[in-house]
Structures are given as C-alpha cells and as structure tokens.
Protein backbone atom coordinates (compact mmCIF):
# COMPACT_ATOMS: atom_id res chain seq x y z
CA MET A 1 13.65 22.92 -5.23
CA LEU A 2 11.25 20.39 -6.93
CA GLU A 3 10.81 20.71 -10.70
CA LEU A 4 8.76 18.56 -12.75
CA LYS A 5 9.15 19.25 -16.44
CA GLY A 6 7.61 17.52 -19.52
CA ILE A 7 5.85 14.90 -17.41
CA THR A 8 4.08 12.16 -18.71
CA LYS A 9 2.57 9.25 -16.55
CA SER A 10 0.60 6.12 -17.85
CA TYR A 11 -0.84 2.91 -16.46
CA GLY A 12 -1.20 0.98 -19.41
CA ALA A 13 -3.53 2.63 -21.95
CA ASN A 14 -4.51 5.22 -19.27
CA THR A 15 -2.72 8.44 -19.27
CA VAL A 16 -3.25 10.38 -15.93
CA LEU A 17 -0.67 13.33 -16.79
CA GLU A 18 0.53 14.41 -20.20
CA ASN A 19 3.59 16.60 -21.10
CA THR A 20 3.10 18.76 -18.04
CA GLY A 21 5.12 20.37 -15.32
CA LEU A 22 5.28 21.91 -11.73
CA VAL A 23 7.60 23.85 -9.80
CA ILE A 24 7.99 23.83 -6.02
CA GLU A 25 9.94 26.48 -4.75
CA ASP A 26 11.75 25.87 -1.09
CA GLY A 27 9.90 26.80 1.81
CA SER A 28 6.59 27.12 0.07
CA PHE A 29 3.45 25.60 0.83
CA VAL A 30 1.53 23.69 -1.98
CA CYS A 31 -2.02 21.81 -2.11
CA ILE A 32 -2.89 19.65 -4.97
CA VAL A 33 -6.62 19.19 -5.08
CA GLY A 34 -9.28 17.40 -7.18
CA GLY A 35 -11.45 14.59 -6.82
CA SER A 36 -10.94 11.01 -6.60
CA GLY A 37 -9.16 9.51 -9.59
CA SER A 38 -8.12 13.03 -10.89
CA GLY A 39 -4.27 12.19 -10.61
CA LYS A 40 -3.54 14.18 -7.42
CA SER A 41 -2.08 11.26 -5.69
CA THR A 42 -0.05 10.16 -8.80
CA ILE A 43 1.72 13.44 -8.62
CA LEU A 44 2.57 13.18 -5.20
CA ASN A 45 3.76 9.41 -5.63
CA ILE A 46 6.25 10.94 -8.34
CA LEU A 47 7.27 13.93 -6.41
CA SER A 48 8.02 11.65 -3.19
CA LEU A 49 9.58 9.04 -5.42
CA PHE A 50 7.31 6.37 -4.75
CA ASP A 51 6.26 5.97 -8.55
CA THR A 52 8.07 6.83 -11.61
CA VAL A 53 7.51 9.10 -14.65
CA THR A 54 6.88 7.40 -18.21
CA SER A 55 8.62 10.28 -19.96
CA GLY A 56 9.82 13.66 -18.81
CA ASP A 57 12.23 15.01 -15.97
CA TYR A 58 12.38 15.58 -12.30
CA TYR A 59 14.68 17.83 -10.71
CA ILE A 60 15.29 18.10 -6.87
CA ASP A 61 17.65 20.81 -6.24
CA GLY A 62 18.84 20.55 -9.78
CA ASN A 63 19.29 16.84 -9.79
CA ASN A 64 17.52 15.00 -12.47
CA VAL A 65 16.06 12.16 -10.45
CA ALA A 66 14.16 10.62 -13.14
CA THR A 67 17.45 9.30 -14.48
CA GLU A 68 18.71 8.06 -11.00
CA LYS A 69 16.33 5.47 -10.06
CA ASN A 70 19.08 3.57 -8.16
CA LYS A 71 19.50 6.73 -5.74
CA HIS A 72 15.54 7.37 -5.11
CA HIS A 73 15.89 5.50 -1.65
CA LEU A 74 18.45 8.12 -0.56
CA TYR A 75 16.32 10.95 -1.18
CA ARG A 76 13.44 9.47 0.44
CA LYS A 77 15.64 8.90 3.74
CA SER A 78 17.35 11.83 4.00
CA LEU A 79 15.26 14.84 2.50
CA PHE A 80 11.43 13.65 2.65
CA GLY A 81 8.87 12.92 5.43
CA PHE A 82 5.64 11.26 4.32
CA VAL A 83 2.10 11.43 6.18
CA PHE A 84 -0.03 8.87 4.33
CA GLN A 85 -3.98 8.54 4.49
CA SER A 86 -3.23 5.05 5.85
CA PHE A 87 -1.05 4.97 9.06
CA TYR A 88 1.41 2.21 7.94
CA LEU A 89 2.43 1.68 11.67
CA LEU A 90 3.82 -1.30 13.04
CA GLU A 91 0.92 -1.97 15.61
CA ASP A 92 2.49 -4.23 17.91
CA LEU A 93 5.56 -1.78 18.64
CA SER A 94 5.31 0.97 21.00
CA VAL A 95 4.89 4.52 20.19
CA ARG A 96 8.25 5.38 20.88
CA ASP A 97 9.63 2.74 18.79
CA ASN A 98 7.63 3.31 15.72
CA LEU A 99 8.70 7.18 16.17
CA THR A 100 12.18 6.12 16.34
CA LEU A 101 12.49 3.45 13.50
CA PRO A 102 13.15 6.21 10.76
CA LEU A 103 16.47 7.36 12.51
CA LEU A 104 17.92 3.68 12.36
CA TYR A 105 17.96 4.52 8.71
CA VAL A 106 19.75 7.82 8.60
CA LYS A 107 23.56 8.42 10.18
CA ASP A 108 24.37 10.87 12.28
CA ASN A 109 20.60 11.61 12.33
CA GLY A 110 21.39 14.20 15.34
CA VAL A 111 18.14 13.73 16.94
CA SER A 112 18.40 13.73 20.67
CA ASP A 113 16.15 11.67 23.38
CA MET A 114 15.40 14.85 24.77
CA GLU A 115 13.96 16.34 21.44
CA ILE A 116 12.23 13.25 20.64
CA ASP A 117 10.38 13.62 24.12
CA GLU A 118 9.54 17.45 23.30
CA ILE A 119 7.93 16.34 19.95
CA ILE A 120 6.13 13.65 21.48
CA ASN A 121 4.90 15.88 24.30
CA GLY A 122 4.20 18.68 21.66
CA PHE A 123 1.60 16.43 20.22
CA GLY A 124 -0.12 15.19 23.41
CA LEU A 125 1.27 11.84 22.92
CA THR A 126 3.28 11.73 26.27
CA SER A 127 0.90 9.39 28.20
CA VAL A 128 0.92 6.60 25.34
CA ALA A 129 4.48 6.73 24.24
CA GLU A 130 5.17 3.49 25.73
CA MET A 131 1.79 1.79 24.76
CA PRO A 132 1.47 -0.60 21.93
CA VAL A 133 0.03 1.53 18.88
CA LYS A 134 -2.84 -1.13 18.31
CA THR A 135 -4.31 0.24 21.71
CA LEU A 136 -4.33 3.87 20.44
CA SER A 137 -7.36 5.71 18.84
CA GLY A 138 -7.62 6.71 15.06
CA GLY A 139 -6.68 10.45 15.90
CA GLU A 140 -3.62 9.21 17.96
CA MET A 141 -2.37 6.92 15.44
CA GLN A 142 -2.40 9.70 12.84
CA ARG A 143 -0.53 12.20 15.35
CA VAL A 144 1.90 9.26 15.53
CA ALA A 145 1.97 8.86 11.96
CA PHE A 146 2.66 12.60 11.64
CA VAL A 147 5.71 12.96 14.17
CA ARG A 148 7.25 9.81 12.36
CA ALA A 149 7.07 11.86 9.27
CA ILE A 150 9.11 14.85 10.72
CA ILE A 151 11.22 13.04 13.19
CA ASN A 152 14.05 13.21 10.90
CA ASN A 153 13.86 16.76 10.38
CA PRO A 154 13.11 16.37 6.71
CA LYS A 155 13.44 19.46 3.77
CA TYR A 156 10.08 18.54 2.30
CA ILE A 157 6.98 17.05 3.76
CA PHE A 158 4.34 15.16 1.59
CA CYS A 159 0.92 14.65 2.97
CA ASP A 160 -1.78 12.60 1.54
CA GLU A 161 -4.98 13.53 2.83
CA PRO A 162 -3.41 14.11 6.36
CA THR A 163 -6.79 15.22 8.00
CA GLY A 164 -8.95 12.69 6.07
CA ASN A 165 -9.64 10.53 8.96
CA LEU A 166 -9.44 13.06 11.80
CA ASP A 167 -12.09 14.68 14.00
CA SER A 168 -11.86 18.42 13.96
CA ALA A 169 -9.65 18.76 17.01
CA ASN A 170 -7.20 16.20 15.79
CA ALA A 171 -7.14 17.90 12.15
CA ASP A 172 -6.59 21.14 13.79
CA ILE A 173 -3.25 19.73 15.55
CA ILE A 174 -2.05 18.46 12.49
CA PHE A 175 -2.88 21.52 10.28
CA LYS A 176 -1.15 23.76 12.93
CA PHE A 177 2.07 21.87 12.87
CA LEU A 178 2.11 21.73 9.33
CA CYS A 179 2.09 25.56 9.46
CA GLY A 180 4.44 25.70 12.01
CA GLU A 181 6.85 23.63 9.95
CA ASN A 182 6.46 25.80 6.96
CA GLN A 183 7.12 28.67 8.68
CA LYS A 184 10.43 27.19 10.04
CA GLY A 185 11.17 26.93 6.08
CA LYS A 186 10.23 23.43 5.45
CA THR A 187 8.38 22.83 2.07
CA ILE A 188 4.85 21.20 2.47
CA VAL A 189 3.07 19.37 -0.65
CA MET A 190 -0.37 18.26 0.47
CA VAL A 191 -2.88 16.36 -1.52
CA THR A 192 -6.67 16.85 -0.46
CA HIS A 193 -10.17 17.34 -1.61
CA ASP A 194 -11.23 18.77 2.06
CA THR A 195 -12.78 22.19 0.56
CA ALA A 196 -12.34 23.46 4.32
CA LEU A 197 -8.75 22.45 4.69
CA ILE A 198 -8.15 24.08 1.21
CA GLU A 199 -9.32 27.66 2.57
CA ARG A 200 -7.59 27.35 5.62
CA ALA A 201 -4.42 26.43 3.55
CA LYS A 202 -4.93 29.78 1.64
CA THR A 203 -4.89 32.09 4.71
CA GLN A 204 -1.53 30.75 5.15
CA GLY A 205 -0.13 31.78 1.74
CA ALA A 206 -0.62 28.12 0.10
CA VAL A 207 -0.49 27.89 -3.68
CA ILE A 208 -3.30 25.58 -5.04
CA TYR A 209 -3.05 23.41 -8.18
CA GLY A 210 -5.46 21.33 -9.66
CA ILE A 211 -5.30 19.06 -12.60
CA GLU A 212 -7.13 19.85 -16.15
CA GLU A 213 -7.20 17.62 -19.10
CA ARG A 214 -4.04 15.75 -17.76
CA ASN A 215 -2.26 18.96 -17.00
CA ILE A 216 -1.36 20.46 -13.80
CA VAL A 217 -2.69 24.14 -13.51
CA ARG A 218 -2.48 26.64 -10.83
CA LEU A 219 -5.74 27.82 -9.35
CA PRO A 220 -6.86 30.89 -7.81
C-alpha cells in the first residue's frame, strides 16, 4: 500500500501541494487527472520517489520512506515500473538490449529468455527486436518503453500520460495491457488529462483523483 500523509510540496515560493494525503490500496487502478500545471505530475514523481516532499510522510507497505532517502533507489528498482511520456530509450541499442537493461540491476530477477520473448511477441515487437530503437516508429518506441517498465515484474506501475503520443491502435494496446496487469494484482497509478482514457479507466473500476486548492481529492 502507498500512503501520503500531511504532504506539502513547494518549489521555492510556489506551493503545489499543501498538507494533503492519499491512500492507494494494493491492486487498485488509480488515475490522477488535471490540466497542465495542476500538480498531478508532482504527485506521481513523489509516489515514484523521483522527487521528495517538502514536509509530511510517505509510507510504502508501512515503511516511512520520506525519512529513508538513501534507500529510494532500492524501492525504484525492486518494486516500481515506470512509463514516461518521453521514452528515455537508448536509441543506438536494440529493442532487446533496451528491454533487458533493467534486469542487470536486480539480482536473481527470475526472468527467463523465453519470458522476454513472450512479452516482446505480445506487444507485436518480434520483427524489430534486434533493430536499433532509433529506427522505430513513435508507437513502437512507446511499446518498448512500456515493456521495459514491466520487465522486472514490478508491484507498482507508474504511468505519466502513457498514451499521450500514440495513435488509437497503439493506445488501445497499452491500455488493455495496463488493465491486464491490474487484473493480475498489480497496482496502477496513471496521470493523464485524456478524458476518453479516464472514462475507459472508470469502466475498469479505476479510482479518480484530482487536485483542488493544493489538495488531492477523490472525484466521482
């Protein structure tokens, strides 16, 4: 379970979040919505430990990680998967090399070559698996980025506008796989301003949150 308690986040004189909280139950599908500059990406960055809080507490499975900054990298590599709006792929490496790179950082990751091939095939990437990433289309790159996010079998998957740069066909692939991962018990936390995506997420039981007056609020 992820829990923010009494969180305040400021950037200089600009306070984005003020004494607010959020509880994300294991196995849930959570959408955080809002326009540009509303603070939704700030929440995602705090939850995924890419940013720290100004004050307050953040608990992961009961451990207050706000006071364990030296351990943040351990949580990121062992529990978290990330899907960014920008791909952050190593474009001169092959698709396969990009996908297996996260496995180098997790001892006894337990992911076999056969499982990697199955995931590559499931995302329609078999024909480009040995090609340099820089030769791929934008949709193919996003699929590679998504596979990289889940290759370590993370407990929590964080998504920042995961379908924002995709056509409808590729967006559908990503959304259906997110739903599939959620049905397997993984916790999905997705930031988006895409109203159509939000409505689709609601049909899958997603809980929707927004930001009002620097506080995280649950939306209908």
